[in-house]
Amino acid sequence: MALTIEKMGEIDAVIGRWCLHKVPAHLKSQIDHDYEIDGQAVSLLEVRPVWRGQSGEYTRRPFARFRWVSARNCWQIDWMRQSGKWQAYEPCPAARNLEAALAVMEADAYGCFFG
């Protein structure tokens, strides 16, 4: 089941704004952030130039995911393990809105999102 138009708008406003302002403009050619929506989830991605690639090639590595759980009316917060599998973020596995989910991710109490 896909997200509602309202949820899509919220994602674009909140997550889109976070991606735009997370990295200073003078560093955006070296590192940036983006997001992708897939079904009920929005994944945050780290975007970097390929280290030994052609100019203009970029890697897109997911590091956080927020999944809408309509039965609980909350966003589940997941982090990507080195194995490539998503796991619930134990200190705070859910948030009522995207602003709260981003705040949990930014605090990164266990160093899962930003090391």
PDB file of N, CA and C in Angstrom:
ATOM      1  N   MET A   1       0.840  -1.173   0.000  1.00  0.00           N
ATOM      2  CA  MET A   1       0.000   0.000   0.000  1.00  0.00           C
ATOM      3  C   MET A   1       0.889   1.242   0.000  1.00  0.00           C
ATOM      4  N   ALA A   2       0.639   2.159  -0.892  1.00  0.00           N
ATOM      5  CA  ALA A   2       1.446   3.364  -1.025  1.00  0.00           C
ATOM      6  C   ALA A   2       1.043   4.408   0.009  1.00  0.00           C
ATOM      7  N   LEU A   3       1.913   5.365   0.207  1.00  0.00           N
ATOM      8  CA  LEU A   3       1.640   6.467   1.122  1.00  0.00           C
ATOM      9  C   LEU A   3       0.581   7.388   0.539  1.00  0.00           C
ATOM     10  N   THR A   4      -0.132   8.081   1.404  1.00  0.00           N
ATOM     11  CA  THR A   4      -1.139   9.041   0.950  1.00  0.00           C
ATOM     12  C   THR A   4      -0.459  10.284   0.387  1.00  0.00           C
ATOM     13  N   ILE A   5      -1.221  11.076  -0.348  1.00  0.00           N
ATOM     14  CA  ILE A   5      -0.705  12.331  -0.895  1.00  0.00           C
ATOM     15  C   ILE A   5      -0.239  13.247   0.237  1.00  0.00           C
ATOM     16  N   GLU A   6      -0.954  13.264   1.339  1.00  0.00           N
ATOM     17  CA  GLU A   6      -0.573  14.094   2.475  1.00  0.00           C
ATOM     18  C   GLU A   6       0.772  13.665   3.056  1.00  0.00           C
ATOM     19  N   LYS A   7       0.972  12.352   3.207  1.00  0.00           N
ATOM     20  CA  LYS A   7       2.241  11.836   3.722  1.00  0.00           C
ATOM     21  C   LYS A   7       3.374  12.140   2.740  1.00  0.00           C
ATOM     22  N   MET A   8       3.112  12.018   1.443  1.00  0.00           N
ATOM     23  CA  MET A   8       4.124  12.329   0.426  1.00  0.00           C
ATOM     24  C   MET A   8       4.517  13.800   0.513  1.00  0.00           C
ATOM     25  N   GLY A   9       3.547  14.679   0.711  1.00  0.00           N
ATOM     26  CA  GLY A   9       3.822  16.102   0.864  1.00  0.00           C
ATOM     27  C   GLY A   9       4.641  16.381   2.114  1.00  0.00           C
ATOM     28  N   GLU A  10       4.299  15.683   3.204  1.00  0.00           N
ATOM     29  CA  GLU A  10       5.045  15.842   4.453  1.00  0.00           C
ATOM     30  C   GLU A  10       6.493  15.393   4.266  1.00  0.00           C
ATOM     31  N   ILE A  11       6.690  14.276   3.598  1.00  0.00           N
ATOM     32  CA  ILE A  11       8.041  13.775   3.337  1.00  0.00           C
ATOM     33  C   ILE A  11       8.833  14.793   2.531  1.00  0.00           C
ATOM     34  N   ASP A  12       8.227  15.297   1.470  1.00  0.00           N
ATOM     35  CA  ASP A  12       8.922  16.267   0.619  1.00  0.00           C
ATOM     36  C   ASP A  12       9.279  17.527   1.401  1.00  0.00           C
ATOM     37  N   ALA A  13       8.363  17.998   2.229  1.00  0.00           N
ATOM     38  CA  ALA A  13       8.612  19.222   2.998  1.00  0.00           C
ATOM     39  C   ALA A  13       9.668  19.002   4.080  1.00  0.00           C
ATOM     40  N   VAL A  14       9.530  17.962   4.865  1.00  0.00           N
ATOM     41  CA  VAL A  14      10.403  17.755   6.026  1.00  0.00           C
ATOM     42  C   VAL A  14      11.741  17.123   5.620  1.00  0.00           C
ATOM     43  N   ILE A  15      11.682  15.991   4.952  1.00  0.00           N
ATOM     44  CA  ILE A  15      12.911  15.287   4.578  1.00  0.00           C
ATOM     45  C   ILE A  15      13.645  16.050   3.477  1.00  0.00           C
ATOM     46  N   GLY A  16      12.895  16.573   2.517  1.00  0.00           N
ATOM     47  CA  GLY A  16      13.513  17.360   1.451  1.00  0.00           C
ATOM     48  C   GLY A  16      14.260  18.565   1.997  1.00  0.00           C
ATOM     49  N   ARG A  17      13.651  19.269   2.944  1.00  0.00           N
ATOM     50  CA  ARG A  17      14.298  20.426   3.569  1.00  0.00           C
ATOM     51  C   ARG A  17      15.554  19.985   4.328  1.00  0.00           C
ATOM     52  N   TRP A  18      15.471  18.866   5.057  1.00  0.00           N
ATOM     53  CA  TRP A  18      16.628  18.360   5.796  1.00  0.00           C
ATOM     54  C   TRP A  18      17.777  18.056   4.835  1.00  0.00           C
ATOM     55  N   CYS A  19      17.480  17.395   3.715  1.00  0.00           N
ATOM     56  CA  CYS A  19      18.512  17.056   2.730  1.00  0.00           C
ATOM     57  C   CYS A  19      19.163  18.310   2.150  1.00  0.00           C
ATOM     58  N   LEU A  20      18.374  19.327   1.873  1.00  0.00           N
ATOM     59  CA  LEU A  20      18.910  20.560   1.310  1.00  0.00           C
ATOM     60  C   LEU A  20      19.837  21.291   2.271  1.00  0.00           C
ATOM     61  N   HIS A  21      19.517  21.273   3.553  1.00  0.00           N
ATOM     62  CA  HIS A  21      20.248  22.087   4.516  1.00  0.00           C
ATOM     63  C   HIS A  21      21.282  21.329   5.350  1.00  0.00           C
ATOM     64  N   LYS A  22      21.352  20.023   5.227  1.00  0.00           N
ATOM     65  CA  LYS A  22      22.276  19.230   6.052  1.00  0.00           C
ATOM     66  C   LYS A  22      23.742  19.532   5.717  1.00  0.00           C
ATOM     67  N   VAL A  23      24.060  19.660   4.440  1.00  0.00           N
ATOM     68  CA  VAL A  23      25.439  19.856   4.008  1.00  0.00           C
ATOM     69  C   VAL A  23      25.611  21.295   3.520  1.00  0.00           C
ATOM     70  N   PRO A  24      26.666  21.995   3.979  1.00  0.00           N
ATOM     71  CA  PRO A  24      26.902  23.352   3.480  1.00  0.00           C
ATOM     72  C   PRO A  24      27.128  23.360   1.965  1.00  0.00           C
ATOM     73  N   ALA A  25      26.730  24.426   1.314  1.00  0.00           N
ATOM     74  CA  ALA A  25      26.781  24.524  -0.158  1.00  0.00           C
ATOM     75  C   ALA A  25      28.178  24.251  -0.715  1.00  0.00           C
ATOM     76  N   HIS A  26      29.216  24.710  -0.041  1.00  0.00           N
ATOM     77  CA  HIS A  26      30.574  24.541  -0.577  1.00  0.00           C
ATOM     78  C   HIS A  26      31.070  23.088  -0.492  1.00  0.00           C
ATOM     79  N   LEU A  27      30.365  22.219   0.205  1.00  0.00           N
ATOM     80  CA  LEU A  27      30.752  20.808   0.305  1.00  0.00           C
ATOM     81  C   LEU A  27      29.871  19.872  -0.516  1.00  0.00           C
ATOM     82  N   LYS A  28      28.822  20.391  -1.116  1.00  0.00           N
ATOM     83  CA  LYS A  28      27.847  19.532  -1.804  1.00  0.00           C
ATOM     84  C   LYS A  28      28.448  18.757  -2.977  1.00  0.00           C
ATOM     85  N   SER A  29      29.569  19.199  -3.548  1.00  0.00           N
ATOM     86  CA  SER A  29      30.199  18.437  -4.621  1.00  0.00           C
ATOM     87  C   SER A  29      30.944  17.220  -4.075  1.00  0.00           C
ATOM     88  N   GLN A  30      31.211  17.195  -2.758  1.00  0.00           N
ATOM     89  CA  GLN A  30      31.927  16.091  -2.136  1.00  0.00           C
ATOM     90  C   GLN A  30      31.005  15.110  -1.407  1.00  0.00           C
ATOM     91  N   ILE A  31      29.935  15.630  -0.829  1.00  0.00           N
ATOM     92  CA  ILE A  31      28.961  14.790  -0.108  1.00  0.00           C
ATOM     93  C   ILE A  31      27.619  15.513  -0.115  1.00  0.00           C
ATOM     94  N   ASP A  32      26.568  14.752  -0.255  1.00  0.00           N
ATOM     95  CA  ASP A  32      25.230  15.316  -0.210  1.00  0.00           C
ATOM     96  C   ASP A  32      24.287  14.254   0.330  1.00  0.00           C
ATOM     97  N   HIS A  33      23.042  14.640   0.552  1.00  0.00           N
ATOM     98  CA  HIS A  33      22.026  13.698   1.022  1.00  0.00           C
ATOM     99  C   HIS A  33      20.810  13.796   0.112  1.00  0.00           C
ATOM    100  N   ASP A  34      20.134  12.678  -0.043  1.00  0.00           N
ATOM    101  CA  ASP A  34      18.929  12.605  -0.867  1.00  0.00           C
ATOM    102  C   ASP A  34      17.996  11.605  -0.198  1.00  0.00           C
ATOM    103  N   TYR A  35      16.816  11.443  -0.766  1.00  0.00           N
ATOM    104  CA  TYR A  35      15.884  10.455  -0.226  1.00  0.00           C
ATOM    105  C   TYR A  35      15.130   9.784  -1.361  1.00  0.00           C
ATOM    106  N   GLU A  36      14.653   8.581  -1.086  1.00  0.00           N
ATOM    107  CA  GLU A  36      13.837   7.808  -2.026  1.00  0.00           C
ATOM    108  C   GLU A  36      12.638   7.265  -1.266  1.00  0.00           C
ATOM    109  N   ILE A  37      11.502   7.255  -1.951  1.00  0.00           N
ATOM    110  CA  ILE A  37      10.281   6.706  -1.367  1.00  0.00           C
ATOM    111  C   ILE A  37       9.986   5.378  -2.046  1.00  0.00           C
ATOM    112  N   ASP A  38       9.723   4.359  -1.230  1.00  0.00           N
ATOM    113  CA  ASP A  38       9.398   3.035  -1.744  1.00  0.00           C
ATOM    114  C   ASP A  38       8.278   2.455  -0.893  1.00  0.00           C
ATOM    115  N   GLY A  39       7.085   2.417  -1.455  1.00  0.00           N
ATOM    116  CA  GLY A  39       5.936   1.897  -0.710  1.00  0.00           C
ATOM    117  C   GLY A  39       5.614   2.764   0.484  1.00  0.00           C
ATOM    118  N   GLN A  40       5.735   2.204   1.682  1.00  0.00           N
ATOM    119  CA  GLN A  40       5.430   2.901   2.927  1.00  0.00           C
ATOM    120  C   GLN A  40       6.691   3.482   3.586  1.00  0.00           C
ATOM    121  N   ALA A  41       7.806   3.472   2.889  1.00  0.00           N
ATOM    122  CA  ALA A  41       9.071   3.871   3.510  1.00  0.00           C
ATOM    123  C   ALA A  41       9.769   4.976   2.735  1.00  0.00           C
ATOM    124  N   VAL A  42      10.514   5.779   3.481  1.00  0.00           N
ATOM    125  CA  VAL A  42      11.392   6.789   2.890  1.00  0.00           C
ATOM    126  C   VAL A  42      12.802   6.480   3.385  1.00  0.00           C
ATOM    127  N   SER A  43      13.732   6.309   2.440  1.00  0.00           N
ATOM    128  CA  SER A  43      15.120   6.015   2.778  1.00  0.00           C
ATOM    129  C   SER A  43      15.969   7.252   2.559  1.00  0.00           C
ATOM    130  N   LEU A  44      16.842   7.535   3.514  1.00  0.00           N
ATOM    131  CA  LEU A  44      17.792   8.632   3.381  1.00  0.00           C
ATOM    132  C   LEU A  44      19.094   8.071   2.845  1.00  0.00           C
ATOM    133  N   LEU A  45      19.684   8.794   1.893  1.00  0.00           N
ATOM    134  CA  LEU A  45      20.868   8.315   1.196  1.00  0.00           C
ATOM    135  C   LEU A  45      22.018   9.295   1.328  1.00  0.00           C
ATOM    136  N   GLU A  46      23.216   8.761   1.453  1.00  0.00           N
ATOM    137  CA  GLU A  46      24.429   9.564   1.374  1.00  0.00           C
ATOM    138  C   GLU A  46      24.896   9.492  -0.075  1.00  0.00           C
ATOM    139  N   VAL A  47      25.119  10.641  -0.692  1.00  0.00           N
ATOM    140  CA  VAL A  47      25.516  10.714  -2.101  1.00  0.00           C
ATOM    141  C   VAL A  47      26.937  11.278  -2.158  1.00  0.00           C
ATOM    142  N   ARG A  48      27.842  10.523  -2.786  1.00  0.00           N
ATOM    143  CA  ARG A  48      29.248  10.939  -2.918  1.00  0.00           C
ATOM    144  C   ARG A  48      29.752  10.619  -4.320  1.00  0.00           C
ATOM    145  N   PRO A  49      30.746  11.384  -4.787  1.00  0.00           N
ATOM    146  CA  PRO A  49      31.372  11.008  -6.053  1.00  0.00           C
ATOM    147  C   PRO A  49      32.074   9.664  -5.905  1.00  0.00           C
ATOM    148  N   VAL A  50      32.093   8.883  -6.981  1.00  0.00           N
ATOM    149  CA  VAL A  50      32.801   7.605  -6.972  1.00  0.00           C
ATOM    150  C   VAL A  50      34.285   7.904  -6.808  1.00  0.00           C
ATOM    151  N   TRP A  51      34.941   7.173  -5.929  1.00  0.00           N
ATOM    152  CA  TRP A  51      36.332   7.465  -5.600  1.00  0.00           C
ATOM    153  C   TRP A  51      37.252   7.302  -6.798  1.00  0.00           C
ATOM    154  N   ARG A  52      37.140   6.213  -7.519  1.00  0.00           N
ATOM    155  CA  ARG A  52      37.977   5.961  -8.683  1.00  0.00           C
ATOM    156  C   ARG A  52      37.110   5.754  -9.916  1.00  0.00           C
ATOM    157  N   GLY A  53      36.225   6.681 -10.150  1.00  0.00           N
ATOM    158  CA  GLY A  53      35.328   6.542 -11.286  1.00  0.00           C
ATOM    159  C   GLY A  53      35.423   7.731 -12.216  1.00  0.00           C
ATOM    160  N   GLN A  54      34.558   7.723 -13.187  1.00  0.00           N
ATOM    161  CA  GLN A  54      34.476   8.818 -14.141  1.00  0.00           C
ATOM    162  C   GLN A  54      33.896  10.046 -13.460  1.00  0.00           C
ATOM    163  N   SER A  55      34.266  11.207 -13.944  1.00  0.00           N
ATOM    164  CA  SER A  55      33.693  12.443 -13.437  1.00  0.00           C
ATOM    165  C   SER A  55      32.188  12.415 -13.653  1.00  0.00           C
ATOM    166  N   GLY A  56      31.433  12.770 -12.630  1.00  0.00           N
ATOM    167  CA  GLY A  56      29.978  12.767 -12.731  1.00  0.00           C
ATOM    168  C   GLY A  56      29.326  11.494 -12.234  1.00  0.00           C
ATOM    169  N   GLU A  57      30.105  10.476 -11.880  1.00  0.00           N
ATOM    170  CA  GLU A  57      29.549   9.238 -11.320  1.00  0.00           C
ATOM    171  C   GLU A  57      29.435   9.386  -9.810  1.00  0.00           C
ATOM    172  N   TYR A  58      28.331   8.910  -9.247  1.00  0.00           N
ATOM    173  CA  TYR A  58      28.076   9.042  -7.816  1.00  0.00           C
ATOM    174  C   TYR A  58      27.629   7.719  -7.220  1.00  0.00           C
ATOM    175  N   THR A  59      27.941   7.534  -5.943  1.00  0.00           N
ATOM    176  CA  THR A  59      27.402   6.405  -5.189  1.00  0.00           C
ATOM    177  C   THR A  59      26.252   6.931  -4.344  1.00  0.00           C
ATOM    178  N   ARG A  60      25.258   6.105  -4.128  1.00  0.00           N
ATOM    179  CA  ARG A  60      24.089   6.458  -3.317  1.00  0.00           C
ATOM    180  C   ARG A  60      23.910   5.341  -2.295  1.00  0.00           C
ATOM    181  N   ARG A  61      24.302   5.619  -1.048  1.00  0.00           N
ATOM    182  CA  ARG A  61      24.268   4.606  -0.003  1.00  0.00           C
ATOM    183  C   ARG A  61      23.190   4.936   1.030  1.00  0.00           C
ATOM    184  N   PRO A  62      22.194   4.059   1.185  1.00  0.00           N
ATOM    185  CA  PRO A  62      21.176   4.300   2.217  1.00  0.00           C
ATOM    186  C   PRO A  62      21.767   4.120   3.612  1.00  0.00           C
ATOM    187  N   PHE A  63      21.336   4.975   4.541  1.00  0.00           N
ATOM    188  CA  PHE A  63      21.825   4.858   5.917  1.00  0.00           C
ATOM    189  C   PHE A  63      20.703   4.939   6.947  1.00  0.00           C
ATOM    190  N   ALA A  64      19.533   5.414   6.558  1.00  0.00           N
ATOM    191  CA  ALA A  64      18.398   5.489   7.485  1.00  0.00           C
ATOM    192  C   ALA A  64      17.109   5.258   6.707  1.00  0.00           C
ATOM    193  N   ARG A  65      16.121   4.727   7.397  1.00  0.00           N
ATOM    194  CA  ARG A  65      14.809   4.505   6.766  1.00  0.00           C
ATOM    195  C   ARG A  65      13.727   4.772   7.796  1.00  0.00           C
ATOM    196  N   PHE A  66      12.705   5.470   7.353  1.00  0.00           N
ATOM    197  CA  PHE A  66      11.520   5.713   8.173  1.00  0.00           C
ATOM    198  C   PHE A  66      10.344   5.038   7.464  1.00  0.00           C
ATOM    199  N   ARG A  67       9.708   4.087   8.133  1.00  0.00           N
ATOM    200  CA  ARG A  67       8.563   3.365   7.566  1.00  0.00           C
ATOM    201  C   ARG A  67       7.295   3.763   8.294  1.00  0.00           C
ATOM    202  N   TRP A  68       6.276   4.164   7.524  1.00  0.00           N
ATOM    203  CA  TRP A  68       4.991   4.525   8.097  1.00  0.00           C
ATOM    204  C   TRP A  68       4.239   3.258   8.477  1.00  0.00           C
ATOM    205  N   VAL A  69       3.859   3.152   9.749  1.00  0.00           N
ATOM    206  CA  VAL A  69       3.081   2.020  10.257  1.00  0.00           C
ATOM    207  C   VAL A  69       1.712   2.585  10.621  1.00  0.00           C
ATOM    208  N   SER A  70       0.763   2.446   9.709  1.00  0.00           N
ATOM    209  CA  SER A  70      -0.548   3.073   9.904  1.00  0.00           C
ATOM    210  C   SER A  70      -1.304   2.473  11.091  1.00  0.00           C
ATOM    211  N   ALA A  71      -1.096   1.197  11.389  1.00  0.00           N
ATOM    212  CA  ALA A  71      -1.789   0.562  12.515  1.00  0.00           C
ATOM    213  C   ALA A  71      -1.390   1.198  13.849  1.00  0.00           C
ATOM    214  N   ARG A  72      -0.152   1.687  13.930  1.00  0.00           N
ATOM    215  CA  ARG A  72       0.329   2.327  15.162  1.00  0.00           C
ATOM    216  C   ARG A  72       0.412   3.851  15.026  1.00  0.00           C
ATOM    217  N   ASN A  73       0.115   4.356  13.822  1.00  0.00           N
ATOM    218  CA  ASN A  73       0.136   5.792  13.554  1.00  0.00           C
ATOM    219  C   ASN A  73       1.481   6.421  13.913  1.00  0.00           C
ATOM    220  N   CYS A  74       2.570   5.770  13.428  1.00  0.00           N
ATOM    221  CA  CYS A  74       3.907   6.283  13.725  1.00  0.00           C
ATOM    222  C   CYS A  74       4.885   5.898  12.616  1.00  0.00           C
ATOM    223  N   TRP A  75       6.048   6.514  12.658  1.00  0.00           N
ATOM    224  CA  TRP A  75       7.143   6.209  11.743  1.00  0.00           C
ATOM    225  C   TRP A  75       8.130   5.302  12.465  1.00  0.00           C
ATOM    226  N   GLN A  76       8.384   4.125  11.914  1.00  0.00           N
ATOM    227  CA  GLN A  76       9.388   3.229  12.477  1.00  0.00           C
ATOM    228  C   GLN A  76      10.749   3.696  11.973  1.00  0.00           C
ATOM    229  N   ILE A  77      11.732   3.738  12.864  1.00  0.00           N
ATOM    230  CA  ILE A  77      13.075   4.209  12.530  1.00  0.00           C
ATOM    231  C   ILE A  77      14.003   3.008  12.396  1.00  0.00           C
ATOM    232  N   ASP A  78      14.626   2.869  11.220  1.00  0.00           N
ATOM    233  CA  ASP A  78      15.544   1.761  10.954  1.00  0.00           C
ATOM    234  C   ASP A  78      16.908   2.311  10.543  1.00  0.00           C
ATOM    235  N   TRP A  79      17.943   1.533  10.809  1.00  0.00           N
ATOM    236  CA  TRP A  79      19.285   1.857  10.337  1.00  0.00           C
ATOM    237  C   TRP A  79      19.809   0.673   9.530  1.00  0.00           C
ATOM    238  N   MET A  80      20.760   0.947   8.620  1.00  0.00           N
ATOM    239  CA  MET A  80      21.281  -0.119   7.769  1.00  0.00           C
ATOM    240  C   MET A  80      22.542  -0.703   8.387  1.00  0.00           C
ATOM    241  N   ARG A  81      22.474  -2.004   8.625  1.00  0.00           N
ATOM    242  CA  ARG A  81      23.643  -2.720   9.146  1.00  0.00           C
ATOM    243  C   ARG A  81      24.684  -2.870   8.038  1.00  0.00           C
ATOM    244  N   GLN A  82      25.897  -3.180   8.396  1.00  0.00           N
ATOM    245  CA  GLN A  82      26.948  -3.376   7.408  1.00  0.00           C
ATOM    246  C   GLN A  82      26.600  -4.515   6.452  1.00  0.00           C
ATOM    247  N   SER A  83      25.792  -5.456   6.903  1.00  0.00           N
ATOM    248  CA  SER A  83      25.370  -6.587   6.069  1.00  0.00           C
ATOM    249  C   SER A  83      24.385  -6.161   4.981  1.00  0.00           C
ATOM    250  N   GLY A  84      23.890  -4.919   5.045  1.00  0.00           N
ATOM    251  CA  GLY A  84      22.917  -4.437   4.069  1.00  0.00           C
ATOM    252  C   GLY A  84      21.478  -4.669   4.490  1.00  0.00           C
ATOM    253  N   LYS A  85      21.281  -5.150   5.710  1.00  0.00           N
ATOM    254  CA  LYS A  85      19.924  -5.397   6.215  1.00  0.00           C
ATOM    255  C   LYS A  85      19.494  -4.258   7.133  1.00  0.00           C
ATOM    256  N   TRP A  86      18.197  -3.951   7.058  1.00  0.00           N
ATOM    257  CA  TRP A  86      17.637  -2.904   7.920  1.00  0.00           C
ATOM    258  C   TRP A  86      17.335  -3.490   9.285  1.00  0.00           C
ATOM    259  N   GLN A  87      17.549  -2.677  10.320  1.00  0.00           N
ATOM    260  CA  GLN A  87      17.247  -3.094  11.686  1.00  0.00           C
ATOM    261  C   GLN A  87      16.631  -1.921  12.428  1.00  0.00           C
ATOM    262  N   ALA A  88      15.661  -2.215  13.287  1.00  0.00           N
ATOM    263  CA  ALA A  88      15.026  -1.169  14.097  1.00  0.00           C
ATOM    264  C   ALA A  88      16.087  -0.514  14.982  1.00  0.00           C
ATOM    265  N   TYR A  89      15.998   0.789  15.122  1.00  0.00           N
ATOM    266  CA  TYR A  89      16.939   1.553  15.938  1.00  0.00           C
ATOM    267  C   TYR A  89      16.498   1.439  17.396  1.00  0.00           C
ATOM    268  N   GLU A  90      17.228   0.675  18.179  1.00  0.00           N
ATOM    269  CA  GLU A  90      16.817   0.302  19.526  1.00  0.00           C
ATOM    270  C   GLU A  90      16.610   1.451  20.515  1.00  0.00           C
ATOM    271  N   PRO A  91      17.436   2.466  20.575  1.00  0.00           N
ATOM    272  CA  PRO A  91      17.172   3.491  21.600  1.00  0.00           C
ATOM    273  C   PRO A  91      15.790   4.127  21.454  1.00  0.00           C
ATOM    274  N   CYS A  92      15.327   4.251  20.220  1.00  0.00           N
ATOM    275  CA  CYS A  92      14.008   4.848  19.969  1.00  0.00           C
ATOM    276  C   CYS A  92      13.509   4.311  18.623  1.00  0.00           C
ATOM    277  N   PRO A  93      12.794   3.207  18.624  1.00  0.00           N
ATOM    278  CA  PRO A  93      12.423   2.558  17.367  1.00  0.00           C
ATOM    279  C   PRO A  93      11.291   3.217  16.584  1.00  0.00           C
ATOM    280  N   ALA A  94      10.613   4.224  17.156  1.00  0.00           N
ATOM    281  CA  ALA A  94       9.490   4.841  16.447  1.00  0.00           C
ATOM    282  C   ALA A  94       9.322   6.292  16.892  1.00  0.00           C
ATOM    283  N   ALA A  95       8.671   7.065  16.001  1.00  0.00           N
ATOM    284  CA  ALA A  95       8.381   8.468  16.304  1.00  0.00           C
ATOM    285  C   ALA A  95       7.022   8.814  15.711  1.00  0.00           C
ATOM    286  N   ARG A  96       6.325   9.754  16.321  1.00  0.00           N
ATOM    287  CA  ARG A  96       4.984  10.144  15.866  1.00  0.00           C
ATOM    288  C   ARG A  96       4.988  10.958  14.580  1.00  0.00           C
ATOM    289  N   ASN A  97       6.091  11.698  14.315  1.00  0.00           N
ATOM    290  CA  ASN A  97       6.153  12.487  13.082  1.00  0.00           C
ATOM    291  C   ASN A  97       7.582  12.481  12.547  1.00  0.00           C
ATOM    292  N   LEU A  98       7.757  12.994  11.341  1.00  0.00           N
ATOM    293  CA  LEU A  98       9.069  12.962  10.703  1.00  0.00           C
ATOM    294  C   LEU A  98      10.082  13.874  11.388  1.00  0.00           C
ATOM    295  N   GLU A  99       9.625  14.988  11.942  1.00  0.00           N
ATOM    296  CA  GLU A  99      10.544  15.870  12.652  1.00  0.00           C
ATOM    297  C   GLU A  99      11.166  15.142  13.848  1.00  0.00           C
ATOM    298  N   ALA A 100      10.355  14.408  14.581  1.00  0.00           N
ATOM    299  CA  ALA A 100      10.840  13.641  15.727  1.00  0.00           C
ATOM    300  C   ALA A 100      11.760  12.509  15.269  1.00  0.00           C
ATOM    301  N   ALA A 101      11.424  11.855  14.162  1.00  0.00           N
ATOM    302  CA  ALA A 101      12.270  10.781  13.630  1.00  0.00           C
ATOM    303  C   ALA A 101      13.632  11.335  13.220  1.00  0.00           C
ATOM    304  N   LEU A 102      13.649  12.492  12.572  1.00  0.00           N
ATOM    305  CA  LEU A 102      14.917  13.123  12.202  1.00  0.00           C
ATOM    306  C   LEU A 102      15.728  13.509  13.435  1.00  0.00           C
ATOM    307  N   ALA A 103      15.058  13.988  14.477  1.00  0.00           N
ATOM    308  CA  ALA A 103      15.750  14.361  15.710  1.00  0.00           C
ATOM    309  C   ALA A 103      16.420  13.145  16.352  1.00  0.00           C
ATOM    310  N   VAL A 104      15.732  12.007  16.342  1.00  0.00           N
ATOM    311  CA  VAL A 104      16.309  10.765  16.873  1.00  0.00           C
ATOM    312  C   VAL A 104      17.531  10.381  16.047  1.00  0.00           C
ATOM    313  N   MET A 105      17.401  10.445  14.725  1.00  0.00           N
ATOM    314  CA  MET A 105      18.506  10.093  13.834  1.00  0.00           C
ATOM    315  C   MET A 105      19.686  11.039  14.047  1.00  0.00           C
ATOM    316  N   GLU A 106      19.422  12.334  14.153  1.00  0.00           N
ATOM    317  CA  GLU A 106      20.487  13.328  14.356  1.00  0.00           C
ATOM    318  C   GLU A 106      21.207  13.109  15.689  1.00  0.00           C
ATOM    319  N   ALA A 107      20.465  12.765  16.735  1.00  0.00           N
ATOM    320  CA  ALA A 107      21.089  12.519  18.047  1.00  0.00           C
ATOM    321  C   ALA A 107      22.004  11.292  17.975  1.00  0.00           C
ATOM    322  N   ASP A 108      21.603  10.287  17.224  1.00  0.00           N
ATOM    323  CA  ASP A 108      22.399   9.088  16.944  1.00  0.00           C
ATOM    324  C   ASP A 108      23.114   8.557  18.195  1.00  0.00           C
ATOM    325  N   ALA A 109      22.340   8.266  19.222  1.00  0.00           N
ATOM    326  CA  ALA A 109      22.886   7.836  20.514  1.00  0.00           C
ATOM    327  C   ALA A 109      23.807   6.621  20.430  1.00  0.00           C
ATOM    328  N   TYR A 110      23.562   5.713  19.496  1.00  0.00           N
ATOM    329  CA  TYR A 110      24.376   4.510  19.378  1.00  0.00           C
ATOM    330  C   TYR A 110      25.386   4.588  18.235  1.00  0.00           C
ATOM    331  N   GLY A 111      25.447   5.692  17.492  1.00  0.00           N
ATOM    332  CA  GLY A 111      26.394   5.833  16.383  1.00  0.00           C
ATOM    333  C   GLY A 111      26.062   4.949  15.198  1.00  0.00           C
ATOM    334  N   CYS A 112      24.813   4.652  14.973  1.00  0.00           N
ATOM    335  CA  CYS A 112      24.404   3.786  13.873  1.00  0.00           C
ATOM    336  C   CYS A 112      24.263   4.534  12.543  1.00  0.00           C
ATOM    337  N   PHE A 113      23.876   5.786  12.577  1.00  0.00           N
ATOM    338  CA  PHE A 113      23.606   6.532  11.357  1.00  0.00           C
ATOM    339  C   PHE A 113      24.832   7.265  10.828  1.00  0.00           C
ATOM    340  N   PHE A 114      25.570   7.905  11.723  1.00  0.00           N
ATOM    341  CA  PHE A 114      26.678   8.747  11.300  1.00  0.00           C
ATOM    342  C   PHE A 114      28.024   8.289  11.864  1.00  0.00           C
ATOM    343  N   GLY A 115      28.039   7.106  12.466  1.00  0.00           N
ATOM    344  CA  GLY A 115      29.295   6.563  12.965  1.00  0.00           C
ATOM    345  C   GLY A 115      29.705   7.085  14.211  1.00  0.00           C
TER     346      GLY A 115
END
